[in-house]
Amino acid sequence: MTVEPTSPPRDLPDLPEGLFADEAGCPRCTWCQATPFYRHYHDQEWGFPVADDRRLFEKICLEGFQSGLSWLTILNKREGFRAAFANFDAEQVAAFGPTDVERLVQDAAIVRHRGKIESTINNARRVLELRREFGSLAHYAWRYEPAAADRPERLTREVARTLSTSPASIAMSKDLKKRGWSFVGPTTVYAFMQAMGLVNDHLEGCHSRAPALKARAEFVAPRG
């Protein structure tokens, strides 16, 4: 689904840096300003905790595809990616072979990058290995949720600018690479953590920050 930008929402002078207000005056993180579709993703998905293996696998793959591109470009192609990669069912993707790679390289509904396509198939096979060891990708990923003491007390735009990686994302990236994963650098892993709710990087004053915090308080992280 692609939604074209509408007229820009208005900035209000009394909002903290990094926030904008839409036509109704609702404050949100500035990065989702471009389209209503992007705002919906920000409001309903980004920063809310996820324990579903399919969604976790999808997100880490799409973060890899995003490298060098905007996330909105990938989000607009997400349905195409889902169709191309068997709805990110790891078992099905793990069975893809050279013929599938050639098919996907020709698929205009996705980003046609051979290396990233091959990486997604490889990483699906690595997911199956993680499941054998940890029971689920979710259990593995949530082991890297940072402790509250390791997070900023207040998440302002100035603080957010320093958070392209974290000790937890560096550790997870290093371990994934050791296990044979690819396109999982620390920045990619941190973006995965932001999106899947392992960290809440909605800025102070964003209307989605409190709901995301509430969702995490009610969420039971997978533990084996």
Protein backbone atom coordinates (compact mmCIF):
# COMPACT_ATOMS: atom_id res chain seq x y z
CA MET A 1 0.00 0.00 0.00
CA THR A 2 1.38 3.40 -1.00
CA VAL A 3 -0.08 6.63 0.31
CA GLU A 4 1.01 9.88 -1.25
CA PRO A 5 1.97 12.75 1.04
CA THR A 6 -0.78 15.14 1.98
CA SER A 7 -0.30 18.79 2.81
CA PRO A 8 2.32 18.99 5.58
CA PRO A 9 0.96 18.86 9.13
CA ARG A 10 1.60 22.01 11.09
CA ASP A 11 4.46 22.49 13.52
CA LEU A 12 3.49 24.21 16.73
CA PRO A 13 6.02 26.51 18.41
CA ASP A 14 5.34 25.15 21.91
CA LEU A 15 6.12 21.52 20.98
CA PRO A 16 9.51 20.11 21.98
CA GLU A 17 12.05 19.57 19.22
CA GLY A 18 11.43 16.31 17.37
CA LEU A 19 7.63 16.48 17.53
CA PHE A 20 5.01 17.78 15.14
CA ALA A 21 1.25 18.19 15.44
CA ASP A 22 -1.17 16.94 12.81
CA GLU A 23 -4.23 18.87 11.65
CA ALA A 24 -6.07 17.85 14.82
CA GLY A 25 -3.18 18.95 17.02
CA CYS A 26 -2.04 15.42 17.96
CA PRO A 27 1.71 15.42 18.77
CA ARG A 28 3.86 12.72 17.17
CA CYS A 29 7.52 11.99 16.48
CA THR A 30 8.59 14.04 13.47
CA TRP A 31 9.93 11.08 11.49
CA CYS A 32 6.40 9.87 10.66
CA GLN A 33 5.22 13.19 9.28
CA ALA A 34 5.30 12.32 5.55
CA THR A 35 2.01 10.40 5.07
CA PRO A 36 -1.07 9.23 6.98
CA PHE A 37 0.09 5.64 6.35
CA TYR A 38 3.39 6.40 8.06
CA ARG A 39 1.57 7.99 11.01
CA HIS A 40 -0.59 4.90 11.38
CA TYR A 41 2.52 2.72 11.55
CA HIS A 42 3.98 5.05 14.20
CA ASP A 43 0.75 5.03 16.23
CA GLN A 44 -0.16 1.34 16.03
CA GLU A 45 3.09 -0.63 15.61
CA TRP A 46 6.37 1.14 16.28
CA GLY A 47 7.56 0.67 19.85
CA PHE A 48 4.82 -1.76 20.90
CA PRO A 49 6.11 -5.13 22.16
CA VAL A 50 5.93 -8.13 19.84
CA ALA A 51 6.33 -11.82 20.69
CA ASP A 52 5.19 -13.30 17.37
CA ASP A 53 8.06 -15.03 15.56
CA ARG A 54 6.71 -14.24 12.11
CA ARG A 55 6.54 -10.52 12.82
CA LEU A 56 9.97 -10.50 14.44
CA PHE A 57 11.52 -12.32 11.50
CA GLU A 58 9.76 -10.02 9.04
CA LYS A 59 11.00 -6.92 10.81
CA ILE A 60 14.63 -7.94 11.06
CA CYS A 61 14.60 -8.88 7.36
CA LEU A 62 12.97 -5.62 6.32
CA GLU A 63 15.43 -3.64 8.40
CA GLY A 64 18.16 -5.34 6.40
CA PHE A 65 16.46 -4.40 3.13
CA GLN A 66 16.14 -0.82 4.37
CA SER A 67 19.90 -0.32 4.55
CA GLY A 68 20.66 2.64 2.28
CA LEU A 69 16.95 3.45 1.81
CA SER A 70 14.21 5.16 3.82
CA TRP A 71 11.97 3.08 6.06
CA LEU A 72 8.93 4.59 4.34
CA THR A 73 10.13 3.09 1.04
CA ILE A 74 10.21 -0.34 2.67
CA LEU A 75 6.92 0.16 4.49
CA ASN A 76 5.21 1.05 1.21
CA LYS A 77 6.48 -2.24 -0.23
CA ARG A 78 5.74 -4.37 2.83
CA GLU A 79 2.79 -6.20 1.29
CA GLY A 80 4.94 -6.99 -1.74
CA PHE A 81 7.65 -8.37 0.53
CA ARG A 82 5.08 -10.48 2.39
CA ALA A 83 3.80 -11.98 -0.85
CA ALA A 84 7.31 -12.60 -2.13
CA PHE A 85 8.62 -14.22 1.06
CA ALA A 86 5.71 -16.49 2.03
CA ASN A 87 4.46 -14.02 4.65
CA PHE A 88 7.87 -14.41 6.32
CA ASP A 89 7.17 -17.94 7.44
CA ALA A 90 10.74 -18.94 8.30
CA GLU A 91 10.28 -22.62 7.47
CA GLN A 92 8.99 -21.83 3.99
CA VAL A 93 11.63 -19.17 3.29
CA ALA A 94 14.38 -21.51 4.52
CA ALA A 95 13.40 -23.91 1.73
CA PHE A 96 13.88 -21.30 -1.02
CA GLY A 97 16.58 -22.13 -3.55
CA PRO A 98 18.36 -20.58 -6.55
CA THR A 99 15.17 -20.53 -8.66
CA ASP A 100 13.42 -18.49 -5.97
CA VAL A 101 16.33 -16.07 -5.82
CA GLU A 102 16.08 -15.47 -9.57
CA ARG A 103 12.32 -15.02 -9.29
CA LEU A 104 12.71 -12.48 -6.50
CA VAL A 105 15.42 -10.52 -8.29
CA GLN A 106 12.79 -9.87 -11.00
CA ASP A 107 10.00 -8.93 -8.55
CA ALA A 108 9.32 -5.19 -8.82
CA ALA A 109 7.13 -5.31 -5.69
CA ILE A 110 10.22 -5.62 -3.49
CA VAL A 111 13.73 -4.20 -3.35
CA ARG A 112 15.56 -6.29 -5.95
CA HIS A 113 18.91 -6.59 -4.22
CA ARG A 114 20.38 -10.05 -4.72
CA GLY A 115 22.54 -9.93 -1.63
CA LYS A 116 19.64 -8.94 0.62
CA ILE A 117 17.37 -11.56 -0.92
CA GLU A 118 19.98 -14.26 -0.33
CA SER A 119 20.50 -12.91 3.18
CA THR A 120 16.78 -13.29 3.98
CA ILE A 121 16.85 -16.94 2.92
CA ASN A 122 20.02 -17.54 4.90
CA ASN A 123 18.60 -15.83 7.97
CA ALA A 124 15.42 -17.94 7.76
CA ARG A 125 17.61 -21.03 8.11
CA ARG A 126 19.33 -19.43 11.08
CA VAL A 127 15.92 -18.77 12.67
CA LEU A 128 15.22 -22.50 12.60
CA GLU A 129 18.52 -23.09 14.40
CA LEU A 130 17.62 -20.51 17.05
CA ARG A 131 14.26 -22.17 17.59
CA ARG A 132 15.94 -25.49 18.23
CA GLU A 133 18.16 -23.86 20.83
CA PHE A 134 15.84 -21.30 22.45
CA GLY A 135 12.35 -22.48 21.54
CA SER A 136 11.51 -19.37 19.54
CA LEU A 137 13.05 -16.33 17.91
CA ALA A 138 11.03 -14.29 20.38
CA HIS A 139 12.72 -15.88 23.38
CA TYR A 140 16.12 -15.28 21.83
CA ALA A 141 15.42 -11.63 20.93
CA TRP A 142 13.85 -10.60 24.25
CA ARG A 143 16.95 -11.79 26.11
CA TYR A 144 18.53 -8.60 24.76
CA GLU A 145 15.96 -6.18 26.16
CA PRO A 146 18.01 -3.60 28.06
CA ALA A 147 17.43 -3.06 31.76
CA ALA A 148 15.49 0.08 32.69
CA ALA A 149 18.62 1.44 34.38
CA ASP A 150 20.43 1.34 31.03
CA ARG A 151 17.84 3.52 29.31
CA PRO A 152 17.68 7.36 29.29
CA GLU A 153 15.56 8.88 32.04
CA ARG A 154 13.96 11.28 29.56
CA LEU A 155 13.91 10.67 25.82
CA THR A 156 14.29 14.07 24.17
CA ARG A 157 15.26 14.66 20.55
CA GLU A 158 18.78 15.51 21.68
CA VAL A 159 19.06 12.19 23.51
CA ALA A 160 17.46 10.26 20.62
CA ARG A 161 20.16 11.51 18.26
CA THR A 162 22.70 9.50 20.27
CA LEU A 163 20.74 6.24 20.03
CA SER A 164 21.54 4.74 16.63
CA THR A 165 23.05 1.77 18.49
CA SER A 166 23.20 0.57 22.09
CA PRO A 167 25.25 -1.92 24.11
CA ALA A 168 22.36 -4.39 23.75
CA SER A 169 22.11 -3.98 19.97
CA ILE A 170 25.87 -4.33 19.62
CA ALA A 171 25.81 -7.52 21.69
CA MET A 172 22.87 -8.98 19.75
CA SER A 173 24.43 -8.06 16.41
CA LYS A 174 27.72 -9.69 17.39
CA ASP A 175 25.98 -12.88 18.49
CA LEU A 176 23.79 -13.09 15.38
CA LYS A 177 26.81 -12.67 13.13
CA LYS A 178 28.60 -15.41 15.06
CA ARG A 179 25.58 -17.61 14.35
CA GLY A 180 25.82 -16.95 10.61
CA TRP A 181 23.26 -14.16 10.15
CA SER A 182 23.90 -11.34 7.69
CA PHE A 183 22.70 -7.75 7.30
CA VAL A 184 22.35 -7.53 11.08
CA GLY A 185 24.74 -4.74 12.06
CA PRO A 186 24.26 -2.89 15.37
CA THR A 187 22.28 -0.04 13.77
CA THR A 188 19.94 -2.49 12.00
CA VAL A 189 19.45 -4.43 15.22
CA TYR A 190 18.75 -1.25 17.19
CA ALA A 191 16.09 -0.22 14.66
CA PHE A 192 14.59 -3.71 15.08
CA MET A 193 14.55 -3.22 18.86
CA GLN A 194 12.85 0.17 18.50
CA ALA A 195 10.14 -1.18 16.23
CA MET A 196 9.44 -4.39 18.17
CA GLY A 197 9.17 -2.68 21.55
CA LEU A 198 12.37 -3.91 23.18
CA VAL A 199 12.99 -0.20 23.68
CA ASN A 200 10.49 2.66 23.63
CA ASP A 201 11.95 5.54 21.63
CA HIS A 202 8.78 7.58 21.24
CA LEU A 203 9.89 11.02 22.39
CA GLU A 204 8.63 12.68 25.54
CA GLY A 205 5.41 14.44 24.57
CA CYS A 206 4.55 12.04 21.73
CA HIS A 207 0.99 10.79 22.16
CA SER A 208 2.10 7.18 21.51
CA ARG A 209 4.75 7.07 24.25
CA ALA A 210 2.38 6.35 27.14
CA PRO A 211 0.35 3.66 25.28
CA ALA A 212 3.60 1.91 24.29
CA LEU A 213 4.81 2.02 27.90
CA LYS A 214 1.47 0.61 29.07
CA ALA A 215 1.63 -2.18 26.47
CA ARG A 216 5.11 -3.11 27.67
CA ALA A 217 4.00 -3.12 31.31
CA GLU A 218 1.25 -5.60 30.42
CA PHE A 219 3.45 -7.70 28.11
CA VAL A 220 4.99 -10.95 29.30
CA ALA A 221 8.34 -11.35 27.60
CA PRO A 222 9.00 -14.87 26.27
CA ARG A 223 11.30 -16.74 28.65
CA GLY A 224 12.04 -20.17 27.29
